């Protein structure tokens, strides 16, 4: 599932930076979940890498929010023995904890499962207070 989340995130970042070039450098990713060796992981943790932080952050204030944090999760429709099943990825406890912390600080936090959800969220967030892009 990680590969699908990575593909979704990559497509959304590419879209955002093409659609909103003036804000592109303010939409950043957080390298949580990247496989690291023991020494590299220890270094990144000393430098501030924190479990649970959202996948991407938009460092733009809109609609009364200080910024937008986005966690990418996927959903897949599977068919097993002729039955339709949905396989979803979910937030880990440390991700839900971090969500509560940043929401208490005035950030908007959203879980995105599809490219279409991301496009609608970006448009909604960036036009929330009438400032536009």
Protein backbone atom coordinates (compact mmCIF):
# COMPACT_ATOMS: atom_id res chain seq x y z
CA UNK A 1 0.00 0.00 0.00
CA UNK A 2 2.93 2.36 0.65
CA UNK A 3 3.75 2.43 -3.06
CA UNK A 4 0.18 3.50 -3.92
CA UNK A 5 0.27 6.24 -1.28
CA UNK A 6 3.60 7.42 -2.68
CA UNK A 7 2.20 7.50 -6.23
CA UNK A 8 -0.87 9.44 -5.09
CA UNK A 9 1.26 11.92 -3.14
CA UNK A 10 3.64 12.41 -6.07
CA UNK A 11 0.77 13.10 -8.48
CA UNK A 12 -0.78 15.60 -6.06
CA UNK A 13 2.49 17.47 -5.48
CA UNK A 14 3.12 17.63 -9.23
CA UNK A 15 -0.43 18.92 -9.84
CA UNK A 16 -0.23 21.52 -7.07
CA UNK A 17 3.10 22.92 -8.25
CA UNK A 18 1.86 23.16 -11.85
CA UNK A 19 -1.55 24.59 -10.93
CA UNK A 20 -0.29 27.03 -8.27
CA UNK A 21 3.31 27.89 -9.24
CA UNK A 22 3.46 30.97 -6.99
CA UNK A 23 2.84 28.70 -3.98
CA UNK A 24 4.73 25.63 -5.17
CA UNK A 25 7.76 26.10 -2.92
CA UNK A 26 5.45 26.45 0.08
CA UNK A 27 3.98 22.97 -0.44
CA UNK A 28 6.50 20.60 1.10
CA UNK A 29 6.79 16.93 2.00
CA UNK A 30 7.92 15.40 5.26
CA UNK A 31 10.23 12.38 4.90
CA UNK A 32 8.55 10.26 7.59
CA UNK A 33 8.29 6.62 6.59
CA UNK A 34 11.35 6.71 4.34
CA UNK A 35 13.48 3.61 4.96
CA UNK A 36 16.68 4.69 6.69
CA UNK A 37 19.67 2.93 8.15
CA UNK A 38 20.20 3.12 11.90
CA UNK A 39 22.78 5.94 11.75
CA UNK A 40 20.75 8.02 9.28
CA UNK A 41 17.55 7.55 11.30
CA UNK A 42 19.29 8.67 14.48
CA UNK A 43 20.66 11.76 12.72
CA UNK A 44 17.25 12.70 11.27
CA UNK A 45 15.61 12.27 14.69
CA UNK A 46 18.24 14.54 16.27
CA UNK A 47 17.48 17.08 13.52
CA UNK A 48 13.76 17.01 14.35
CA UNK A 49 12.15 14.16 12.40
CA UNK A 50 8.96 13.40 14.34
CA UNK A 51 6.69 10.37 14.15
CA UNK A 52 3.15 11.08 13.08
CA UNK A 53 3.73 14.30 11.13
CA UNK A 54 1.52 14.55 8.03
CA UNK A 55 2.93 13.62 4.63
CA UNK A 56 2.76 17.15 3.23
CA UNK A 57 2.39 20.66 4.59
CA UNK A 58 1.14 23.75 2.82
CA UNK A 59 2.73 26.74 4.55
CA UNK A 60 0.00 29.17 3.47
CA UNK A 61 -2.59 30.73 5.77
CA UNK A 62 -6.16 30.73 4.45
CA UNK A 63 -9.70 30.75 5.83
CA UNK A 64 -8.61 31.32 9.41
CA UNK A 65 -6.07 28.47 9.34
CA UNK A 66 -2.31 28.89 9.73
CA UNK A 67 -1.61 26.17 7.17
CA UNK A 68 -2.79 22.86 5.75
CA UNK A 69 -1.48 19.42 6.70
CA UNK A 70 -2.33 16.50 4.42
CA UNK A 71 -1.99 12.79 5.17
CA UNK A 72 -2.26 10.48 2.15
CA UNK A 73 -4.02 7.16 2.62
CA UNK A 74 -5.30 4.84 -0.07
CA UNK A 75 -8.36 2.81 -0.79
CA UNK A 76 -8.47 -0.13 -3.14
CA UNK A 77 -11.43 -2.16 -4.36
CA UNK A 78 -10.63 -5.87 -4.42
CA UNK A 79 -12.66 -8.85 -5.54
CA UNK A 80 -12.15 -12.08 -3.61
CA UNK A 81 -14.21 -15.10 -4.53
CA UNK A 82 -16.63 -12.86 -6.40
CA UNK A 83 -17.18 -10.52 -3.44
CA UNK A 84 -16.32 -6.83 -3.58
CA UNK A 85 -14.04 -5.75 -0.75
CA UNK A 86 -12.49 -2.40 0.11
CA UNK A 87 -8.95 -2.33 1.43
CA UNK A 88 -8.01 0.98 3.10
CA UNK A 89 -5.00 2.30 4.91
CA UNK A 90 -5.63 4.21 8.13
CA UNK A 91 -3.85 6.70 10.34
CA UNK A 92 -1.59 5.29 13.02
CA UNK A 93 -2.12 6.43 16.63
CA UNK A 94 0.85 8.82 16.47
CA UNK A 95 -0.63 10.38 13.30
CA UNK A 96 -3.98 10.98 15.04
CA UNK A 97 -2.12 12.49 18.01
CA UNK A 98 -0.15 14.85 15.75
CA UNK A 99 -3.40 15.79 13.96
CA UNK A 100 -4.95 16.86 17.29
CA UNK A 101 -1.87 18.88 18.20
CA UNK A 102 -1.74 20.86 14.95
CA UNK A 103 -5.49 21.39 14.81
CA UNK A 104 -5.27 22.87 18.32
CA UNK A 105 -2.66 25.27 16.92
CA UNK A 106 -4.98 26.52 14.18
CA UNK A 107 -3.99 24.27 11.28
CA UNK A 108 -6.37 22.44 8.98
CA UNK A 109 -5.65 18.72 8.69
CA UNK A 110 -7.13 16.43 6.04
CA UNK A 111 -6.76 12.78 5.05
CA UNK A 112 -6.82 12.40 1.26
CA UNK A 113 -7.52 9.11 -0.52
CA UNK A 114 -7.88 10.14 -4.17
CA UNK A 115 -6.44 12.64 -6.61
CA UNK A 116 -9.89 14.16 -7.09
CA UNK A 117 -10.23 14.75 -3.34
CA UNK A 118 -6.88 16.54 -3.39
CA UNK A 119 -7.83 18.81 -6.30
CA UNK A 120 -11.08 19.80 -4.55
CA UNK A 121 -9.29 20.36 -1.23
CA UNK A 122 -6.60 22.58 -2.78
CA UNK A 123 -9.22 24.70 -4.54
CA UNK A 124 -11.40 24.92 -1.41
CA UNK A 125 -8.50 25.77 0.90
CA UNK A 126 -6.92 28.39 -1.32
CA UNK A 127 -10.19 30.24 -1.93
CA UNK A 128 -11.59 29.88 1.62
CA UNK A 129 -11.27 33.54 2.59
CA UNK A 130 -11.74 35.19 -0.77
CA UNK A 131 -8.01 35.90 -1.20
CA UNK A 132 -7.78 33.39 -4.01
CA UNK A 133 -4.42 32.03 -4.99
